[in-house]
Amino acid sequence: MRMHRGSSKDVSGISRTTETLPLSASAPPMVSVVLELTRAGTVERRRLRVPVGTTVRAALLRVGQAPEGSAVLLDETPIPLDLPIERPLRLTVVSTFSGG
């Protein structure tokens, strides 16, 4: 009698193919992101590697930047904070906080 996933008995007598399942999930692919943090006329570049699908918001949090206090640009076009990162990117991050 051959056992297969989801059954404790071979009722039909039909031989079924066995399935190989991984013991643990493999790590998601990683992607490089360059964040150009601009403030007061200076640019600080922060490089990081994140799993594919990480949101822009999560990448900002990883470098200690407040997402809600930032405008993020991709090639001079604003992008949403919840955009998933699917490929290597260079993002410009402009602080929208003002002192005072």
Protein backbone atom coordinates (compact mmCIF):
# COMPACT_ATOMS: atom_id res chain seq x y z
CA MET A 1 0.00 0.00 0.00
CA ARG A 2 1.43 3.42 -0.99
CA MET A 3 0.61 6.40 1.18
CA HIS A 4 0.16 9.86 -0.26
CA ARG A 5 -0.39 13.29 1.17
CA GLY A 6 -3.91 13.86 2.47
CA SER A 7 -4.88 10.25 2.93
CA SER A 8 -4.26 7.65 5.56
CA LYS A 9 -5.55 4.72 3.50
CA ASP A 10 -5.29 3.60 -0.10
CA VAL A 11 -8.96 2.91 -0.65
CA SER A 12 -9.11 2.59 -4.43
CA GLY A 13 -6.11 0.30 -4.88
CA ILE A 14 -4.84 2.68 -7.59
CA SER A 15 -1.18 3.50 -7.35
CA ARG A 16 -0.71 7.28 -7.14
CA THR A 17 2.44 9.27 -7.71
CA THR A 18 4.13 10.54 -4.61
CA GLU A 19 4.80 14.24 -4.11
CA THR A 20 8.05 15.73 -2.88
CA LEU A 21 7.49 18.65 -0.55
CA PRO A 22 10.22 20.98 0.75
CA LEU A 23 10.97 20.79 4.45
CA SER A 24 11.28 24.55 4.69
CA ALA A 25 10.51 27.49 2.45
CA SER A 26 13.42 28.84 0.47
CA ALA A 27 14.47 32.48 0.91
CA PRO A 28 12.91 34.96 -1.53
CA PRO A 29 15.19 36.51 -4.15
CA MET A 30 16.91 39.73 -3.13
CA VAL A 31 17.11 43.03 -5.03
CA SER A 32 19.39 46.07 -4.62
CA VAL A 33 17.94 49.48 -3.82
CA VAL A 34 19.77 52.80 -3.65
CA LEU A 35 18.01 55.50 -1.65
CA GLU A 36 19.26 59.02 -2.28
CA LEU A 37 18.18 60.94 0.82
CA THR A 38 18.11 64.67 0.03
CA ARG A 39 18.04 67.34 2.71
CA ALA A 40 19.22 70.95 2.76
CA GLY A 41 21.05 70.63 -0.56
CA THR A 42 22.96 67.48 0.43
CA VAL A 43 22.50 63.91 -0.79
CA GLU A 44 23.22 60.85 1.34
CA ARG A 45 23.17 57.54 -0.54
CA ARG A 46 22.08 54.44 1.33
CA ARG A 47 22.37 51.04 -0.36
CA LEU A 48 20.46 48.02 0.82
CA ARG A 49 19.28 44.63 -0.35
CA VAL A 50 15.67 43.70 0.26
CA PRO A 51 13.52 40.69 -0.64
CA VAL A 52 11.58 41.09 -3.89
CA GLY A 53 8.12 42.46 -3.04
CA THR A 54 9.30 44.66 -0.15
CA THR A 55 7.39 47.95 -0.17
CA VAL A 56 9.04 51.33 -0.58
CA ARG A 57 7.70 52.17 2.90
CA ALA A 58 9.54 49.18 4.43
CA ALA A 59 12.79 50.14 2.66
CA LEU A 60 12.54 53.67 4.09
CA LEU A 61 11.95 52.30 7.57
CA ARG A 62 15.06 50.08 7.25
CA VAL A 63 17.26 53.15 6.74
CA GLY A 64 15.57 55.11 9.55
CA GLN A 65 13.59 57.47 7.31
CA ALA A 66 10.00 58.43 8.25
CA PRO A 67 7.84 57.28 5.29
CA GLU A 68 4.98 59.70 5.96
CA GLY A 69 7.47 62.58 6.07
CA SER A 70 8.96 61.71 2.69
CA ALA A 71 8.22 62.09 -0.98
CA VAL A 72 9.77 59.29 -3.05
CA LEU A 73 10.66 59.80 -6.71
CA LEU A 74 11.59 57.30 -9.40
CA ASP A 75 13.13 59.11 -12.36
CA GLU A 76 11.58 62.40 -11.13
CA THR A 77 8.10 60.83 -10.90
CA PRO A 78 6.44 60.45 -7.47
CA ILE A 79 5.64 56.86 -6.52
CA PRO A 80 3.36 55.47 -3.77
CA LEU A 81 4.90 54.22 -0.54
CA ASP A 82 3.09 50.88 -0.91
CA LEU A 83 4.70 50.12 -4.28
CA PRO A 84 6.39 46.69 -4.13
CA ILE A 85 10.04 46.67 -5.17
CA GLU A 86 10.39 44.09 -7.97
CA ARG A 87 13.74 45.08 -9.56
CA PRO A 88 16.88 47.06 -8.72
CA LEU A 89 15.95 50.72 -8.19
CA ARG A 90 17.52 54.10 -7.49
CA LEU A 91 15.00 56.22 -5.58
CA THR A 92 15.22 59.88 -4.61
CA VAL A 93 13.81 60.57 -1.16
CA VAL A 94 12.86 64.16 -0.34
CA SER A 95 12.01 65.05 3.24
CA THR A 96 8.68 66.87 3.45
CA PHE A 97 9.19 67.95 7.06
CA SER A 98 10.16 71.54 7.68
CA GLY A 99 11.91 72.84 10.77
CA GLY A 100 10.64 75.62 12.90
